[in-house]
Amino acid sequence: MEISLSLIIALSCGLVGLFLPFLGKKLLHYRGIVSPSADRSVFLGILAAIGGVSIVLQIEEPSQLILSFLFLFLLQLIGWIDWHTGYILDQLTFGGSILIVGIQLIFNPSMVPIHLAVSASLYLFLYAVAKGTNRLGLGDAKLVAMCALIMEWQDILCALWLSSISGLLYVGILVIQKKMISRSYSLPFGPHLAIGFFLSYLFGENIACLFSLDLFYQLY
């Protein structure tokens, strides 16, 4: 890919990511939830720029490019809102699911029933876990179900593993910094799910091979 095209993509995605908090605040205001004061996030802009370039380096099919950019910005927005408020909005998970299924029906309709079945099964399982343990939010279950509409089951397993590692590392950092963590501490898991699912979506098989977790890919 030409350097000039890479710069254009990085700049375009970076600008979208930079102003995602503005959209997030509008959604939070609509739901009556107190939102952060910032309308922009340089951090999200940088992540979006890196994510956008990574997408075009990994994805070639036009239909998958559309899905991939939608996926990137949905995950960023959901993660940002959950990080600051502890909420994963249904408007984003349900709305994102509808958009993903709609695009899949246009470009790849044969895979839609499989993705829907996997998504529904995962949601029901995680719903039971959430209700039975009170350690997982229903918003997290809906986010995973949304992600399952765009990913293969092997990548989903890898994503959940990466998300768990990310969450454990974050808790470890809090412990090292001697931040107060009680058994009732509620970890915003949306950002960790967003990291895990995006990395697995683009690099799942490579990550699995790197950590000798490629058994499920071999079984495919």
C-alpha atoms as a PDB file:
ATOM      1  CA  MET A   1       0.000   0.000   0.000  1.00  0.00           C
ATOM      2  CA  GLU A   2       1.342   3.427  -0.948  1.00  0.00           C
ATOM      3  CA  ILE A   3       2.538   5.701   1.834  1.00  0.00           C
ATOM      4  CA  SER A   4       0.249   8.512   0.668  1.00  0.00           C
ATOM      5  CA  LEU A   5      -2.808   6.232   0.866  1.00  0.00           C
ATOM      6  CA  SER A   6      -1.760   5.066   4.323  1.00  0.00           C
ATOM      7  CA  LEU A   7      -1.526   8.663   5.491  1.00  0.00           C
ATOM      8  CA  ILE A   8      -4.954   9.497   4.074  1.00  0.00           C
ATOM      9  CA  ILE A   9      -6.538   6.500   5.802  1.00  0.00           C
ATOM     10  CA  ALA A  10      -4.734   7.225   9.074  1.00  0.00           C
ATOM     11  CA  LEU A  11      -5.813  10.874   8.970  1.00  0.00           C
ATOM     12  CA  SER A  12      -9.433  10.073   8.063  1.00  0.00           C
ATOM     13  CA  CYS A  13      -9.842   7.383  10.715  1.00  0.00           C
ATOM     14  CA  GLY A  14      -7.965   9.491  13.244  1.00  0.00           C
ATOM     15  CA  LEU A  15     -10.365  12.387  12.771  1.00  0.00           C
ATOM     16  CA  VAL A  16     -13.380  10.112  13.220  1.00  0.00           C
ATOM     17  CA  GLY A  17     -11.866   8.622  16.358  1.00  0.00           C
ATOM     18  CA  LEU A  18     -10.959  12.061  17.675  1.00  0.00           C
ATOM     19  CA  PHE A  19     -14.595  13.191  17.648  1.00  0.00           C
ATOM     20  CA  LEU A  20     -16.245   9.908  18.715  1.00  0.00           C
ATOM     21  CA  PRO A  21     -16.678  11.259  22.285  1.00  0.00           C
ATOM     22  CA  PHE A  22     -18.943  13.986  20.875  1.00  0.00           C
ATOM     23  CA  LEU A  23     -21.284  11.285  19.545  1.00  0.00           C
ATOM     24  CA  GLY A  24     -20.931   9.351  22.787  1.00  0.00           C
ATOM     25  CA  LYS A  25     -22.009  12.360  24.821  1.00  0.00           C
ATOM     26  CA  LYS A  26     -25.089  12.807  22.635  1.00  0.00           C
ATOM     27  CA  LEU A  27     -26.100   9.174  23.199  1.00  0.00           C
ATOM     28  CA  LEU A  28     -25.494   9.450  26.945  1.00  0.00           C
ATOM     29  CA  HIS A  29     -27.513  12.668  27.132  1.00  0.00           C
ATOM     30  CA  TYR A  30     -30.376  10.929  25.312  1.00  0.00           C
ATOM     31  CA  ARG A  31     -30.293   8.152  27.926  1.00  0.00           C
ATOM     32  CA  GLY A  32     -30.090  10.658  30.790  1.00  0.00           C
ATOM     33  CA  ILE A  33     -26.625   9.458  31.865  1.00  0.00           C
ATOM     34  CA  VAL A  34     -24.008  11.910  33.124  1.00  0.00           C
ATOM     35  CA  SER A  35     -21.233  12.032  30.538  1.00  0.00           C
ATOM     36  CA  PRO A  36     -17.574  13.131  30.588  1.00  0.00           C
ATOM     37  CA  SER A  37     -16.912  16.752  29.764  1.00  0.00           C
ATOM     38  CA  ALA A  38     -14.512  16.155  26.870  1.00  0.00           C
ATOM     39  CA  ASP A  39     -15.854  16.332  23.305  1.00  0.00           C
ATOM     40  CA  ARG A  40     -12.647  14.939  21.801  1.00  0.00           C
ATOM     41  CA  SER A  41     -10.133  12.228  22.591  1.00  0.00           C
ATOM     42  CA  VAL A  42      -6.644  12.289  21.128  1.00  0.00           C
ATOM     43  CA  PHE A  43      -6.137   8.761  22.442  1.00  0.00           C
ATOM     44  CA  LEU A  44      -9.125   7.450  20.473  1.00  0.00           C
ATOM     45  CA  GLY A  45      -7.904   9.363  17.432  1.00  0.00           C
ATOM     46  CA  ILE A  46      -4.509   7.663  17.589  1.00  0.00           C
ATOM     47  CA  LEU A  47      -6.075   4.240  18.108  1.00  0.00           C
ATOM     48  CA  ALA A  48      -8.470   4.806  15.203  1.00  0.00           C
ATOM     49  CA  ALA A  49      -5.607   5.843  12.916  1.00  0.00           C
ATOM     50  CA  ILE A  50      -3.607   2.729  13.796  1.00  0.00           C
ATOM     51  CA  GLY A  51      -6.707   0.535  13.511  1.00  0.00           C
ATOM     52  CA  GLY A  52      -7.675   1.973  10.127  1.00  0.00           C
ATOM     53  CA  VAL A  53      -4.252   1.359   8.609  1.00  0.00           C
ATOM     54  CA  SER A  54      -4.208  -2.151  10.095  1.00  0.00           C
ATOM     55  CA  ILE A  55      -7.575  -2.879   8.487  1.00  0.00           C
ATOM     56  CA  VAL A  56      -6.530  -1.942   4.979  1.00  0.00           C
ATOM     57  CA  LEU A  57      -3.313  -3.924   5.365  1.00  0.00           C
ATOM     58  CA  GLN A  58      -5.216  -7.054   6.419  1.00  0.00           C
ATOM     59  CA  ILE A  59      -8.531  -6.821   4.534  1.00  0.00           C
ATOM     60  CA  GLU A  60      -8.910  -6.751   0.751  1.00  0.00           C
ATOM     61  CA  GLU A  61     -12.586  -7.392  -0.006  1.00  0.00           C
ATOM     62  CA  PRO A  62     -14.614  -4.131  -0.248  1.00  0.00           C
ATOM     63  CA  SER A  63     -17.535  -5.597   1.713  1.00  0.00           C
ATOM     64  CA  GLN A  64     -15.215  -6.677   4.522  1.00  0.00           C
ATOM     65  CA  LEU A  65     -13.601  -3.240   4.548  1.00  0.00           C
ATOM     66  CA  ILE A  66     -16.994  -1.642   5.190  1.00  0.00           C
ATOM     67  CA  LEU A  67     -17.709  -4.089   8.011  1.00  0.00           C
ATOM     68  CA  SER A  68     -14.231  -3.672   9.454  1.00  0.00           C
ATOM     69  CA  PHE A  69     -14.382   0.121   9.708  1.00  0.00           C
ATOM     70  CA  LEU A  70     -17.878  -0.073  11.200  1.00  0.00           C
ATOM     71  CA  PHE A  71     -16.596  -2.653  13.689  1.00  0.00           C
ATOM     72  CA  LEU A  72     -13.605  -0.485  14.626  1.00  0.00           C
ATOM     73  CA  PHE A  73     -15.634   2.620  15.424  1.00  0.00           C
ATOM     74  CA  LEU A  74     -18.396   0.702  17.198  1.00  0.00           C
ATOM     75  CA  LEU A  75     -15.857  -0.966  19.480  1.00  0.00           C
ATOM     76  CA  GLN A  76     -14.113   2.320  20.167  1.00  0.00           C
ATOM     77  CA  LEU A  77     -17.323   4.140  21.014  1.00  0.00           C
ATOM     78  CA  ILE A  78     -18.666   1.302  23.179  1.00  0.00           C
ATOM     79  CA  GLY A  79     -15.339   0.970  24.996  1.00  0.00           C
ATOM     80  CA  TRP A  80     -15.051   4.722  25.614  1.00  0.00           C
ATOM     81  CA  ILE A  81     -18.568   4.984  27.026  1.00  0.00           C
ATOM     82  CA  ASP A  82     -18.149   1.926  29.263  1.00  0.00           C
ATOM     83  CA  TRP A  83     -14.771   3.169  30.537  1.00  0.00           C
ATOM     84  CA  HIS A  84     -16.184   6.530  31.598  1.00  0.00           C
ATOM     85  CA  THR A  85     -19.681   5.556  32.724  1.00  0.00           C
ATOM     86  CA  GLY A  86     -19.858   1.803  33.277  1.00  0.00           C
ATOM     87  CA  TYR A  87     -22.654   1.502  30.711  1.00  0.00           C
ATOM     88  CA  ILE A  88     -22.803  -0.408  27.433  1.00  0.00           C
ATOM     89  CA  LEU A  89     -25.689   1.138  25.558  1.00  0.00           C
ATOM     90  CA  ASP A  90     -28.265  -1.062  23.834  1.00  0.00           C
ATOM     91  CA  GLN A  91     -28.481   1.520  21.065  1.00  0.00           C
ATOM     92  CA  LEU A  92     -24.916   0.636  20.088  1.00  0.00           C
ATOM     93  CA  THR A  93     -24.988  -3.139  20.551  1.00  0.00           C
ATOM     94  CA  PHE A  94     -28.452  -3.688  19.037  1.00  0.00           C
ATOM     95  CA  GLY A  95     -28.006  -0.983  16.423  1.00  0.00           C
ATOM     96  CA  GLY A  96     -24.547  -2.285  15.556  1.00  0.00           C
ATOM     97  CA  SER A  97     -25.900  -5.827  15.284  1.00  0.00           C
ATOM     98  CA  ILE A  98     -28.609  -4.699  12.867  1.00  0.00           C
ATOM     99  CA  LEU A  99     -26.085  -2.833  10.705  1.00  0.00           C
ATOM    100  CA  ILE A 100     -23.683  -5.781  10.660  1.00  0.00           C
ATOM    101  CA  VAL A 101     -26.413  -8.254   9.712  1.00  0.00           C
ATOM    102  CA  GLY A 102     -27.718  -5.872   7.049  1.00  0.00           C
ATOM    103  CA  ILE A 103     -24.307  -5.533   5.424  1.00  0.00           C
ATOM    104  CA  GLN A 104     -23.749  -9.291   5.650  1.00  0.00           C
ATOM    105  CA  LEU A 105     -27.116  -9.937   3.982  1.00  0.00           C
ATOM    106  CA  ILE A 106     -26.058  -7.754   1.061  1.00  0.00           C
ATOM    107  CA  PHE A 107     -22.543  -9.103   0.544  1.00  0.00           C
ATOM    108  CA  ASN A 108     -22.407 -12.515   2.209  1.00  0.00           C
ATOM    109  CA  PRO A 109     -25.938 -13.804   2.918  1.00  0.00           C
ATOM    110  CA  SER A 110     -24.992 -17.489   3.120  1.00  0.00           C
ATOM    111  CA  MET A 111     -23.053 -16.941   6.366  1.00  0.00           C
ATOM    112  CA  VAL A 112     -25.754 -14.961   8.169  1.00  0.00           C
ATOM    113  CA  PRO A 113     -27.656 -17.961   9.657  1.00  0.00           C
ATOM    114  CA  ILE A 114     -24.426 -19.391  11.104  1.00  0.00           C
ATOM    115  CA  HIS A 115     -23.388 -16.079  12.620  1.00  0.00           C
ATOM    116  CA  LEU A 116     -26.874 -15.556  14.051  1.00  0.00           C
ATOM    117  CA  ALA A 117     -26.866 -19.013  15.629  1.00  0.00           C
ATOM    118  CA  VAL A 118     -23.430 -18.497  17.204  1.00  0.00           C
ATOM    119  CA  SER A 119     -24.379 -15.011  18.392  1.00  0.00           C
ATOM    120  CA  ALA A 120     -27.630 -16.178  19.987  1.00  0.00           C
ATOM    121  CA  SER A 121     -25.947 -19.158  21.655  1.00  0.00           C
ATOM    122  CA  LEU A 122     -23.178 -17.004  23.090  1.00  0.00           C
ATOM    123  CA  TYR A 123     -25.647 -14.448  24.393  1.00  0.00           C
ATOM    124  CA  LEU A 124     -27.795 -17.064  26.117  1.00  0.00           C
ATOM    125  CA  PHE A 125     -24.730 -18.656  27.713  1.00  0.00           C
ATOM    126  CA  LEU A 126     -23.290 -15.326  28.905  1.00  0.00           C
ATOM    127  CA  TYR A 127     -26.740 -14.202  30.055  1.00  0.00           C
ATOM    128  CA  ALA A 128     -26.909 -17.270  32.293  1.00  0.00           C
ATOM    129  CA  VAL A 129     -23.391 -16.561  33.575  1.00  0.00           C
ATOM    130  CA  ALA A 130     -24.289 -12.925  34.276  1.00  0.00           C
ATOM    131  CA  LYS A 131     -27.450 -13.834  36.149  1.00  0.00           C
ATOM    132  CA  GLY A 132     -25.790 -16.654  38.046  1.00  0.00           C
ATOM    133  CA  THR A 133     -22.623 -14.881  39.162  1.00  0.00           C
ATOM    134  CA  ASN A 134     -23.363 -11.132  39.068  1.00  0.00           C
ATOM    135  CA  ARG A 135     -19.752 -10.702  37.901  1.00  0.00           C
ATOM    136  CA  LEU A 136     -20.559 -10.113  34.249  1.00  0.00           C
ATOM    137  CA  GLY A 137     -22.779  -7.363  32.922  1.00  0.00           C
ATOM    138  CA  LEU A 138     -25.593  -7.976  30.472  1.00  0.00           C
ATOM    139  CA  GLY A 139     -24.091  -5.229  28.342  1.00  0.00           C
ATOM    140  CA  ASP A 140     -20.914  -7.302  28.036  1.00  0.00           C
ATOM    141  CA  ALA A 141     -22.999 -10.284  26.885  1.00  0.00           C
ATOM    142  CA  LYS A 142     -24.714  -8.138  24.246  1.00  0.00           C
ATOM    143  CA  LEU A 143     -21.347  -6.780  23.067  1.00  0.00           C
ATOM    144  CA  VAL A 144     -19.942 -10.296  22.642  1.00  0.00           C
ATOM    145  CA  ALA A 145     -23.091 -11.334  20.766  1.00  0.00           C
ATOM    146  CA  MET A 146     -22.672  -8.370  18.418  1.00  0.00           C
ATOM    147  CA  CYS A 147     -19.035  -9.243  17.757  1.00  0.00           C
ATOM    148  CA  ALA A 148     -19.991 -12.857  17.018  1.00  0.00           C
ATOM    149  CA  LEU A 149     -21.972 -11.632  14.013  1.00  0.00           C
ATOM    150  CA  ILE A 150     -18.772 -10.697  12.227  1.00  0.00           C
ATOM    151  CA  MET A 151     -16.247 -13.283  13.469  1.00  0.00           C
ATOM    152  CA  GLU A 152     -15.532 -16.996  13.214  1.00  0.00           C
ATOM    153  CA  TRP A 153     -15.871 -19.053  16.387  1.00  0.00           C
ATOM    154  CA  GLN A 154     -12.112 -19.633  16.645  1.00  0.00           C
ATOM    155  CA  ASP A 155     -11.500 -15.887  16.608  1.00  0.00           C
ATOM    156  CA  ILE A 156     -14.199 -15.422  19.252  1.00  0.00           C
ATOM    157  CA  LEU A 157     -12.415 -17.829  21.602  1.00  0.00           C
ATOM    158  CA  CYS A 158      -9.122 -16.040  20.980  1.00  0.00           C
ATOM    159  CA  ALA A 159     -10.831 -12.681  21.591  1.00  0.00           C
ATOM    160  CA  LEU A 160     -12.268 -13.780  24.928  1.00  0.00           C
ATOM    161  CA  TRP A 161      -8.819 -15.005  25.966  1.00  0.00           C
ATOM    162  CA  LEU A 162      -7.195 -11.704  24.959  1.00  0.00           C
ATOM    163  CA  SER A 163      -9.913  -9.723  26.738  1.00  0.00           C
ATOM    164  CA  SER A 164      -9.371 -11.691  29.936  1.00  0.00           C
ATOM    165  CA  ILE A 165      -5.619 -11.122  29.759  1.00  0.00           C
ATOM    166  CA  SER A 166      -6.183  -7.386  29.214  1.00  0.00           C
ATOM    167  CA  GLY A 167      -8.554  -7.203  32.192  1.00  0.00           C
ATOM    168  CA  LEU A 168      -6.146  -9.090  34.457  1.00  0.00           C
ATOM    169  CA  LEU A 169      -3.261  -6.840  33.445  1.00  0.00           C
ATOM    170  CA  TYR A 170      -5.344  -3.762  34.243  1.00  0.00           C
ATOM    171  CA  VAL A 171      -6.290  -5.108  37.661  1.00  0.00           C
ATOM    172  CA  GLY A 172      -2.645  -5.974  38.251  1.00  0.00           C
ATOM    173  CA  ILE A 173      -1.639  -2.397  37.459  1.00  0.00           C
ATOM    174  CA  LEU A 174      -4.222  -1.099  39.926  1.00  0.00           C
ATOM    175  CA  VAL A 175      -2.846  -3.421  42.607  1.00  0.00           C
ATOM    176  CA  ILE A 176       0.740  -2.332  41.918  1.00  0.00           C
ATOM    177  CA  GLN A 177      -0.320   1.303  42.128  1.00  0.00           C
ATOM    178  CA  LYS A 178      -2.015   0.442  45.429  1.00  0.00           C
ATOM    179  CA  LYS A 179      -5.396   1.571  44.183  1.00  0.00           C
ATOM    180  CA  MET A 180      -8.216   0.362  46.404  1.00  0.00           C
ATOM    181  CA  ILE A 181      -9.893  -2.739  44.927  1.00  0.00           C
ATOM    182  CA  SER A 182     -12.567  -4.572  46.895  1.00  0.00           C
ATOM    183  CA  ARG A 183     -14.437  -7.748  46.066  1.00  0.00           C
ATOM    184  CA  SER A 184     -17.370  -5.560  45.054  1.00  0.00           C
ATOM    185  CA  TYR A 185     -15.241  -3.602  42.545  1.00  0.00           C
ATOM    186  CA  SER A 186     -16.972  -3.514  39.164  1.00  0.00           C
ATOM    187  CA  LEU A 187     -14.442  -3.602  36.339  1.00  0.00           C
ATOM    188  CA  PRO A 188     -15.597  -1.868  33.128  1.00  0.00           C
ATOM    189  CA  PHE A 189     -14.946  -4.847  30.878  1.00  0.00           C
ATOM    190  CA  GLY A 190     -16.178  -3.252  27.645  1.00  0.00           C
ATOM    191  CA  PRO A 191     -12.812  -1.659  26.761  1.00  0.00           C
ATOM    192  CA  HIS A 192     -11.026  -4.965  27.309  1.00  0.00           C
ATOM    193  CA  LEU A 193     -13.567  -6.791  25.155  1.00  0.00           C
ATOM    194  CA  ALA A 194     -13.114  -4.135  22.470  1.00  0.00           C
ATOM    195  CA  ILE A 195      -9.333  -4.606  22.502  1.00  0.00           C
ATOM    196  CA  GLY A 196      -9.560  -8.391  22.467  1.00  0.00           C
ATOM    197  CA  PHE A 197     -12.159  -8.647  19.726  1.00  0.00           C
ATOM    198  CA  PHE A 198     -10.534  -6.141  17.386  1.00  0.00           C
ATOM    199  CA  LEU A 199      -7.085  -7.719  17.714  1.00  0.00           C
ATOM    200  CA  SER A 200      -8.533 -11.196  17.227  1.00  0.00           C
ATOM    201  CA  TYR A 201     -10.661 -10.039  14.293  1.00  0.00           C
ATOM    202  CA  LEU A 202      -7.587  -8.868  12.391  1.00  0.00           C
ATOM    203  CA  PHE A 203      -4.807 -11.058  13.776  1.00  0.00           C
ATOM    204  CA  GLY A 204      -6.551 -13.962  15.546  1.00  0.00           C
ATOM    205  CA  GLU A 205      -4.775 -16.823  13.808  1.00  0.00           C
ATOM    206  CA  ASN A 206      -1.377 -15.116  14.051  1.00  0.00           C
ATOM    207  CA  ILE A 207      -1.872 -14.465  17.770  1.00  0.00           C
ATOM    208  CA  ALA A 208      -3.003 -18.055  18.324  1.00  0.00           C
ATOM    209  CA  CYS A 209       0.101 -19.377  16.584  1.00  0.00           C
ATOM    210  CA  LEU A 210       2.335 -17.025  18.548  1.00  0.00           C
ATOM    211  CA  PHE A 211       1.021 -18.340  21.861  1.00  0.00           C
ATOM    212  CA  SER A 212       0.586 -21.935  20.669  1.00  0.00           C
ATOM    213  CA  LEU A 213      -3.192 -21.626  20.809  1.00  0.00           C
ATOM    214  CA  ASP A 214      -3.813 -22.649  17.211  1.00  0.00           C
ATOM    215  CA  LEU A 215      -5.481 -25.985  17.983  1.00  0.00           C
ATOM    216  CA  PHE A 216      -8.979 -24.629  17.292  1.00  0.00           C
ATOM    217  CA  TYR A 217      -7.856 -23.194  13.943  1.00  0.00           C
ATOM    218  CA  GLN A 218      -6.433 -26.577  12.983  1.00  0.00           C
ATOM    219  CA  LEU A 219      -9.798 -28.178  13.787  1.00  0.00           C
ATOM    220  CA  TYR A 220     -11.658 -25.851  11.416  1.00  0.00           C
END
